[in-house]
Amino acid sequence: CDEKIKTVSFDLFDTLLMRPLWVPQDLFYFVQEEVSPFFAGAEENAFVRMRVFSEQRCRELGRVYDASSEDVTLAEIYRTMEGLYRLPEGMADALRRAEEETEKKLIRARECGKQLFELARALGKKVVLVSDMYLSKECVGEMLAKCGIAGYDGLYVSCEYRKLKYTGNLFRIVLQETGTAPQEMLHIGDSWQNDVLSPRALGIN
């Protein structure tokens, strides 16, 4: 409600959106159920192990090819999986779509976060959403729409910009594109490092 605050920024996952998962990687077990026909006769939890290792390898390769790039996309993760495991043509795309659909199926709004979002809008603040995430901006937008979260002024997903909240570089982009001074911005999120220490280091509340 402080009049000095012109822009309110929200983290997405575990702040505005929730998934019934203990850790984010638990999603892969749900995806595995959806794609089980692809892995008939394979070792138990084969997809989960492949998905975890493919993301790890994709991030390693990303740093080698472009040291300035801080994040990867889901499509790149599955292209890496396709190369590592010599998947049949079209299988990687089918697995990626299954993961996206599983994300949409499981997502729901976190009501306390949604109330703060609506309050910021009602007060006439510029409202932006900022997330370290490999899902595409389009996919995240569909998840937000499903949860009834609309009317925001900007959506900043790390994989689209190749910059992370963790390093503070995604926040720098938000400040520049919104024309907001650091002291005029309030960020709300659940991660001590990504949502408190990183923005605070830039002078963001």
C-alpha atoms as a PDB file:
ATOM      1  CA  CYS A   1       0.000   0.000   0.000  1.00  0.00           C
ATOM      2  CA  ASP A   2       3.068   2.298   0.259  1.00  0.00           C
ATOM      3  CA  GLU A   3       2.658   5.082  -2.320  1.00  0.00           C
ATOM      4  CA  LYS A   4       6.412   4.980  -2.963  1.00  0.00           C
ATOM      5  CA  ILE A   5       6.018   1.475  -4.428  1.00  0.00           C
ATOM      6  CA  LYS A   6       5.148   1.748  -8.119  1.00  0.00           C
ATOM      7  CA  THR A   7       5.741  -1.859  -9.238  1.00  0.00           C
ATOM      8  CA  VAL A   8       4.902  -5.081  -7.402  1.00  0.00           C
ATOM      9  CA  SER A   9       6.647  -8.216  -8.617  1.00  0.00           C
ATOM     10  CA  PHE A  10       5.509 -11.746  -7.787  1.00  0.00           C
ATOM     11  CA  ASP A  11       7.366 -15.031  -7.940  1.00  0.00           C
ATOM     12  CA  LEU A  12       5.222 -17.757  -9.500  1.00  0.00           C
ATOM     13  CA  PHE A  13       5.733 -21.278  -8.186  1.00  0.00           C
ATOM     14  CA  ASP A  14       4.866 -21.695  -4.492  1.00  0.00           C
ATOM     15  CA  THR A  15       3.869 -18.011  -4.380  1.00  0.00           C
ATOM     16  CA  LEU A  16       1.020 -17.493  -6.869  1.00  0.00           C
ATOM     17  CA  LEU A  17       0.867 -21.088  -8.122  1.00  0.00           C
ATOM     18  CA  MET A  18       1.083 -24.430  -6.309  1.00  0.00           C
ATOM     19  CA  ARG A  19       1.743 -28.023  -7.327  1.00  0.00           C
ATOM     20  CA  PRO A  20       1.078 -31.015  -5.011  1.00  0.00           C
ATOM     21  CA  LEU A  21       4.768 -31.936  -4.950  1.00  0.00           C
ATOM     22  CA  TRP A  22       7.318 -32.312  -2.159  1.00  0.00           C
ATOM     23  CA  VAL A  23      10.078 -31.167  -4.525  1.00  0.00           C
ATOM     24  CA  PRO A  24       9.679 -29.966  -8.148  1.00  0.00           C
ATOM     25  CA  GLN A  25      11.354 -33.110  -9.524  1.00  0.00           C
ATOM     26  CA  ASP A  26       8.473 -35.221  -8.163  1.00  0.00           C
ATOM     27  CA  LEU A  27       6.534 -34.011 -11.204  1.00  0.00           C
ATOM     28  CA  PHE A  28       8.553 -36.461 -13.304  1.00  0.00           C
ATOM     29  CA  TYR A  29       6.896 -39.420 -11.565  1.00  0.00           C
ATOM     30  CA  PHE A  30       3.496 -38.116 -12.665  1.00  0.00           C
ATOM     31  CA  VAL A  31       4.793 -37.622 -16.212  1.00  0.00           C
ATOM     32  CA  GLN A  32       6.180 -41.155 -16.150  1.00  0.00           C
ATOM     33  CA  GLU A  33       2.666 -42.490 -15.562  1.00  0.00           C
ATOM     34  CA  GLU A  34       1.441 -40.586 -18.618  1.00  0.00           C
ATOM     35  CA  VAL A  35       4.229 -41.819 -20.909  1.00  0.00           C
ATOM     36  CA  SER A  36       4.496 -45.404 -19.614  1.00  0.00           C
ATOM     37  CA  PRO A  37       3.666 -46.942 -23.050  1.00  0.00           C
ATOM     38  CA  PHE A  38       6.959 -45.494 -24.367  1.00  0.00           C
ATOM     39  CA  PHE A  39       8.906 -47.339 -21.664  1.00  0.00           C
ATOM     40  CA  ALA A  40       7.312 -50.776 -21.640  1.00  0.00           C
ATOM     41  CA  GLY A  41       9.934 -53.278 -20.495  1.00  0.00           C
ATOM     42  CA  ALA A  42      12.359 -50.586 -19.350  1.00  0.00           C
ATOM     43  CA  GLU A  43      13.885 -50.402 -15.867  1.00  0.00           C
ATOM     44  CA  GLU A  44      11.736 -48.947 -13.100  1.00  0.00           C
ATOM     45  CA  ASN A  45      11.660 -45.135 -13.119  1.00  0.00           C
ATOM     46  CA  ALA A  46      13.647 -45.051 -16.361  1.00  0.00           C
ATOM     47  CA  PHE A  47      11.987 -41.858 -17.561  1.00  0.00           C
ATOM     48  CA  VAL A  48      12.623 -40.063 -14.248  1.00  0.00           C
ATOM     49  CA  ARG A  49      16.335 -40.851 -14.352  1.00  0.00           C
ATOM     50  CA  MET A  50      16.570 -39.870 -18.036  1.00  0.00           C
ATOM     51  CA  ARG A  51      14.770 -36.577 -17.440  1.00  0.00           C
ATOM     52  CA  VAL A  52      16.939 -35.586 -14.450  1.00  0.00           C
ATOM     53  CA  PHE A  53      20.200 -36.457 -16.209  1.00  0.00           C
ATOM     54  CA  SER A  54      19.143 -34.756 -19.463  1.00  0.00           C
ATOM     55  CA  GLU A  55      18.480 -31.469 -17.693  1.00  0.00           C
ATOM     56  CA  GLN A  56      21.790 -31.695 -15.845  1.00  0.00           C
ATOM     57  CA  ARG A  57      23.656 -32.401 -19.084  1.00  0.00           C
ATOM     58  CA  CYS A  58      21.756 -29.690 -20.977  1.00  0.00           C
ATOM     59  CA  ARG A  59      22.766 -27.074 -18.414  1.00  0.00           C
ATOM     60  CA  GLU A  60      26.395 -28.211 -18.536  1.00  0.00           C
ATOM     61  CA  LEU A  61      26.457 -27.964 -22.332  1.00  0.00           C
ATOM     62  CA  GLY A  62      24.705 -24.599 -22.228  1.00  0.00           C
ATOM     63  CA  ARG A  63      27.474 -23.142 -20.078  1.00  0.00           C
ATOM     64  CA  VAL A  64      30.098 -24.521 -22.447  1.00  0.00           C
ATOM     65  CA  TYR A  65      28.510 -23.100 -25.614  1.00  0.00           C
ATOM     66  CA  ASP A  66      27.472 -19.740 -24.132  1.00  0.00           C
ATOM     67  CA  ALA A  67      28.960 -18.702 -20.807  1.00  0.00           C
ATOM     68  CA  SER A  68      26.601 -15.719 -20.588  1.00  0.00           C
ATOM     69  CA  SER A  69      23.475 -17.897 -20.787  1.00  0.00           C
ATOM     70  CA  GLU A  70      22.081 -18.683 -17.314  1.00  0.00           C
ATOM     71  CA  ASP A  71      19.120 -20.919 -18.154  1.00  0.00           C
ATOM     72  CA  VAL A  72      17.779 -23.464 -20.634  1.00  0.00           C
ATOM     73  CA  THR A  73      14.366 -24.215 -22.140  1.00  0.00           C
ATOM     74  CA  LEU A  74      12.302 -27.370 -21.788  1.00  0.00           C
ATOM     75  CA  ALA A  75      12.633 -27.930 -25.537  1.00  0.00           C
ATOM     76  CA  GLU A  76      16.439 -27.888 -25.190  1.00  0.00           C
ATOM     77  CA  ILE A  77      16.283 -30.377 -22.330  1.00  0.00           C
ATOM     78  CA  TYR A  78      14.319 -32.807 -24.475  1.00  0.00           C
ATOM     79  CA  ARG A  79      16.582 -32.273 -27.482  1.00  0.00           C
ATOM     80  CA  THR A  80      19.463 -33.213 -25.190  1.00  0.00           C
ATOM     81  CA  MET A  81      17.546 -36.307 -24.075  1.00  0.00           C
ATOM     82  CA  GLU A  82      16.913 -37.234 -27.705  1.00  0.00           C
ATOM     83  CA  GLY A  83      20.656 -37.126 -28.445  1.00  0.00           C
ATOM     84  CA  LEU A  84      21.791 -38.850 -25.280  1.00  0.00           C
ATOM     85  CA  TYR A  85      19.400 -41.785 -25.552  1.00  0.00           C
ATOM     86  CA  ARG A  86      18.921 -41.902 -29.347  1.00  0.00           C
ATOM     87  CA  LEU A  87      15.164 -41.649 -29.030  1.00  0.00           C
ATOM     88  CA  PRO A  88      13.000 -42.517 -32.043  1.00  0.00           C
ATOM     89  CA  GLU A  89      11.857 -39.595 -34.174  1.00  0.00           C
ATOM     90  CA  GLY A  90       9.034 -37.663 -32.536  1.00  0.00           C
ATOM     91  CA  MET A  91       9.369 -39.294 -29.124  1.00  0.00           C
ATOM     92  CA  ALA A  92      11.155 -36.359 -27.464  1.00  0.00           C
ATOM     93  CA  ASP A  93       8.438 -33.943 -28.589  1.00  0.00           C
ATOM     94  CA  ALA A  94       5.738 -36.291 -27.294  1.00  0.00           C
ATOM     95  CA  LEU A  95       7.473 -36.535 -23.908  1.00  0.00           C
ATOM     96  CA  ARG A  96       7.868 -32.758 -23.719  1.00  0.00           C
ATOM     97  CA  ARG A  97       4.180 -32.213 -24.463  1.00  0.00           C
ATOM     98  CA  ALA A  98       3.283 -34.775 -21.803  1.00  0.00           C
ATOM     99  CA  GLU A  99       5.339 -32.871 -19.235  1.00  0.00           C
ATOM    100  CA  GLU A 100       3.689 -29.572 -20.159  1.00  0.00           C
ATOM    101  CA  GLU A 101       0.206 -31.093 -19.947  1.00  0.00           C
ATOM    102  CA  THR A 102       1.014 -32.679 -16.583  1.00  0.00           C
ATOM    103  CA  GLU A 103       2.165 -29.285 -15.270  1.00  0.00           C
ATOM    104  CA  LYS A 104      -1.135 -27.736 -16.372  1.00  0.00           C
ATOM    105  CA  LYS A 105      -3.143 -30.591 -14.900  1.00  0.00           C
ATOM    106  CA  LEU A 106      -1.543 -30.353 -11.442  1.00  0.00           C
ATOM    107  CA  ILE A 107      -1.345 -26.574 -11.082  1.00  0.00           C
ATOM    108  CA  ARG A 108      -3.628 -24.563  -8.837  1.00  0.00           C
ATOM    109  CA  ALA A 109      -3.626 -21.079  -7.332  1.00  0.00           C
ATOM    110  CA  ARG A 110      -2.107 -20.348  -3.950  1.00  0.00           C
ATOM    111  CA  GLU A 111      -4.945 -18.303  -2.521  1.00  0.00           C
ATOM    112  CA  CYS A 112      -2.920 -16.051  -0.179  1.00  0.00           C
ATOM    113  CA  GLY A 113      -0.650 -15.100  -3.078  1.00  0.00           C
ATOM    114  CA  LYS A 114      -3.606 -14.517  -5.388  1.00  0.00           C
ATOM    115  CA  GLN A 115      -5.179 -12.177  -2.811  1.00  0.00           C
ATOM    116  CA  LEU A 116      -1.991 -10.101  -2.657  1.00  0.00           C
ATOM    117  CA  PHE A 117      -1.902 -10.052  -6.476  1.00  0.00           C
ATOM    118  CA  GLU A 118      -5.487  -8.759  -6.620  1.00  0.00           C
ATOM    119  CA  LEU A 119      -4.725  -6.167  -3.930  1.00  0.00           C
ATOM    120  CA  ALA A 120      -1.746  -4.841  -5.894  1.00  0.00           C
ATOM    121  CA  ARG A 121      -3.928  -4.535  -9.012  1.00  0.00           C
ATOM    122  CA  ALA A 122      -6.740  -2.833  -7.068  1.00  0.00           C
ATOM    123  CA  LEU A 123      -4.233  -0.274  -5.744  1.00  0.00           C
ATOM    124  CA  GLY A 124      -3.239   0.583  -9.311  1.00  0.00           C
ATOM    125  CA  LYS A 125       0.304  -0.784  -9.065  1.00  0.00           C
ATOM    126  CA  LYS A 126       2.165  -2.072 -12.091  1.00  0.00           C
ATOM    127  CA  VAL A 127       2.172  -5.855 -11.504  1.00  0.00           C
ATOM    128  CA  VAL A 128       4.756  -8.189 -13.026  1.00  0.00           C
ATOM    129  CA  LEU A 129       5.433 -11.901 -12.608  1.00  0.00           C
ATOM    130  CA  VAL A 130       9.017 -13.193 -12.429  1.00  0.00           C
ATOM    131  CA  SER A 131      10.121 -16.837 -12.371  1.00  0.00           C
ATOM    132  CA  ASP A 132      13.225 -18.979 -12.710  1.00  0.00           C
ATOM    133  CA  MET A 133      11.672 -21.674 -14.906  1.00  0.00           C
ATOM    134  CA  TYR A 134      12.439 -23.742 -18.027  1.00  0.00           C
ATOM    135  CA  LEU A 135       8.789 -23.827 -19.150  1.00  0.00           C
ATOM    136  CA  SER A 136       7.933 -21.516 -22.031  1.00  0.00           C
ATOM    137  CA  LYS A 137       6.210 -18.189 -21.466  1.00  0.00           C
ATOM    138  CA  GLU A 138       3.227 -19.547 -23.416  1.00  0.00           C
ATOM    139  CA  CYS A 139       2.905 -22.622 -21.184  1.00  0.00           C
ATOM    140  CA  VAL A 140       3.240 -20.554 -17.995  1.00  0.00           C
ATOM    141  CA  GLY A 141       0.623 -18.142 -19.323  1.00  0.00           C
ATOM    142  CA  GLU A 142      -1.819 -21.019 -19.821  1.00  0.00           C
ATOM    143  CA  MET A 143      -1.188 -22.215 -16.258  1.00  0.00           C
ATOM    144  CA  LEU A 144      -1.886 -18.728 -14.906  1.00  0.00           C
ATOM    145  CA  ALA A 145      -5.092 -18.480 -16.937  1.00  0.00           C
ATOM    146  CA  LYS A 146      -6.282 -21.840 -15.578  1.00  0.00           C
ATOM    147  CA  CYS A 147      -5.809 -20.457 -12.044  1.00  0.00           C
ATOM    148  CA  GLY A 148      -7.688 -17.247 -12.778  1.00  0.00           C
ATOM    149  CA  ILE A 149      -4.627 -15.002 -12.592  1.00  0.00           C
ATOM    150  CA  ALA A 150      -4.891 -12.305 -15.243  1.00  0.00           C
ATOM    151  CA  GLY A 151      -4.362  -8.595 -15.754  1.00  0.00           C
ATOM    152  CA  TYR A 152      -0.621  -8.539 -15.027  1.00  0.00           C
ATOM    153  CA  ASP A 153       1.600  -6.077 -16.873  1.00  0.00           C
ATOM    154  CA  GLY A 154       4.493  -8.387 -17.659  1.00  0.00           C
ATOM    155  CA  LEU A 155       5.607 -12.014 -17.448  1.00  0.00           C
ATOM    156  CA  TYR A 156       9.341 -12.656 -17.108  1.00  0.00           C
ATOM    157  CA  VAL A 157      10.416 -16.301 -17.400  1.00  0.00           C
ATOM    158  CA  SER A 158      14.137 -16.955 -17.030  1.00  0.00           C
ATOM    159  CA  CYS A 159      14.482 -19.374 -19.944  1.00  0.00           C
ATOM    160  CA  GLU A 160      13.083 -16.752 -22.357  1.00  0.00           C
ATOM    161  CA  TYR A 161      15.637 -14.150 -21.285  1.00  0.00           C
ATOM    162  CA  ARG A 162      18.486 -16.575 -20.439  1.00  0.00           C
ATOM    163  CA  LYS A 163      18.903 -14.740 -17.121  1.00  0.00           C
ATOM    164  CA  LEU A 164      18.024 -15.845 -13.560  1.00  0.00           C
ATOM    165  CA  LYS A 165      16.548 -14.260 -10.456  1.00  0.00           C
ATOM    166  CA  TYR A 166      19.242 -16.186  -8.588  1.00  0.00           C
ATOM    167  CA  THR A 167      21.990 -14.015 -10.095  1.00  0.00           C
ATOM    168  CA  GLY A 168      19.868 -10.858  -9.995  1.00  0.00           C
ATOM    169  CA  ASN A 169      20.148 -10.452 -13.757  1.00  0.00           C
ATOM    170  CA  LEU A 170      16.466 -11.184 -14.439  1.00  0.00           C
ATOM    171  CA  PHE A 171      15.512  -8.490 -11.923  1.00  0.00           C
ATOM    172  CA  ARG A 172      17.798  -6.056 -13.754  1.00  0.00           C
ATOM    173  CA  ILE A 173      15.852  -6.735 -16.956  1.00  0.00           C
ATOM    174  CA  VAL A 174      12.540  -6.194 -15.154  1.00  0.00           C
ATOM    175  CA  LEU A 175      13.704  -2.852 -13.741  1.00  0.00           C
ATOM    176  CA  GLN A 176      14.931  -1.708 -17.145  1.00  0.00           C
ATOM    177  CA  GLU A 177      11.867  -2.794 -19.137  1.00  0.00           C
ATOM    178  CA  THR A 178       9.354  -1.417 -16.627  1.00  0.00           C
ATOM    179  CA  GLY A 179      11.281   1.807 -16.078  1.00  0.00           C
ATOM    180  CA  THR A 180      11.186   1.224 -12.324  1.00  0.00           C
ATOM    181  CA  ALA A 181      13.812   2.415  -9.864  1.00  0.00           C
ATOM    182  CA  PRO A 182      14.861  -0.374  -7.443  1.00  0.00           C
ATOM    183  CA  GLN A 183      13.456   1.441  -4.398  1.00  0.00           C
ATOM    184  CA  GLU A 184      10.089   1.752  -6.186  1.00  0.00           C
ATOM    185  CA  MET A 185       9.690  -2.015  -6.558  1.00  0.00           C
ATOM    186  CA  LEU A 186       8.425  -4.623  -4.100  1.00  0.00           C
ATOM    187  CA  HIS A 187       9.086  -8.302  -4.840  1.00  0.00           C
ATOM    188  CA  ILE A 188       7.124 -11.103  -3.167  1.00  0.00           C
ATOM    189  CA  GLY A 189       8.304 -14.727  -3.245  1.00  0.00           C
ATOM    190  CA  ASP A 190       9.096 -17.847  -1.215  1.00  0.00           C
ATOM    191  CA  SER A 191      12.828 -18.437  -1.825  1.00  0.00           C
ATOM    192  CA  TRP A 192      15.237 -16.788   0.620  1.00  0.00           C
ATOM    193  CA  GLN A 193      18.036 -16.541  -1.944  1.00  0.00           C
ATOM    194  CA  ASN A 194      16.099 -15.897  -5.165  1.00  0.00           C
ATOM    195  CA  ASP A 195      13.297 -13.743  -3.776  1.00  0.00           C
ATOM    196  CA  VAL A 196      14.907 -11.933  -0.837  1.00  0.00           C
ATOM    197  CA  LEU A 197      18.700 -11.765  -1.008  1.00  0.00           C
ATOM    198  CA  SER A 198      19.056 -11.348  -4.792  1.00  0.00           C
ATOM    199  CA  PRO A 199      16.546  -8.490  -5.196  1.00  0.00           C
ATOM    200  CA  ARG A 200      17.664  -6.877  -1.929  1.00  0.00           C
ATOM    201  CA  ALA A 201      21.221  -6.702  -3.279  1.00  0.00           C
ATOM    202  CA  LEU A 202      19.863  -4.514  -6.091  1.00  0.00           C
ATOM    203  CA  GLY A 203      17.973  -2.235  -3.718  1.00  0.00           C
ATOM    204  CA  ILE A 204      14.571  -3.854  -4.350  1.00  0.00           C
ATOM    205  CA  ASN A 205      12.235  -4.236  -1.383  1.00  0.00           C
END
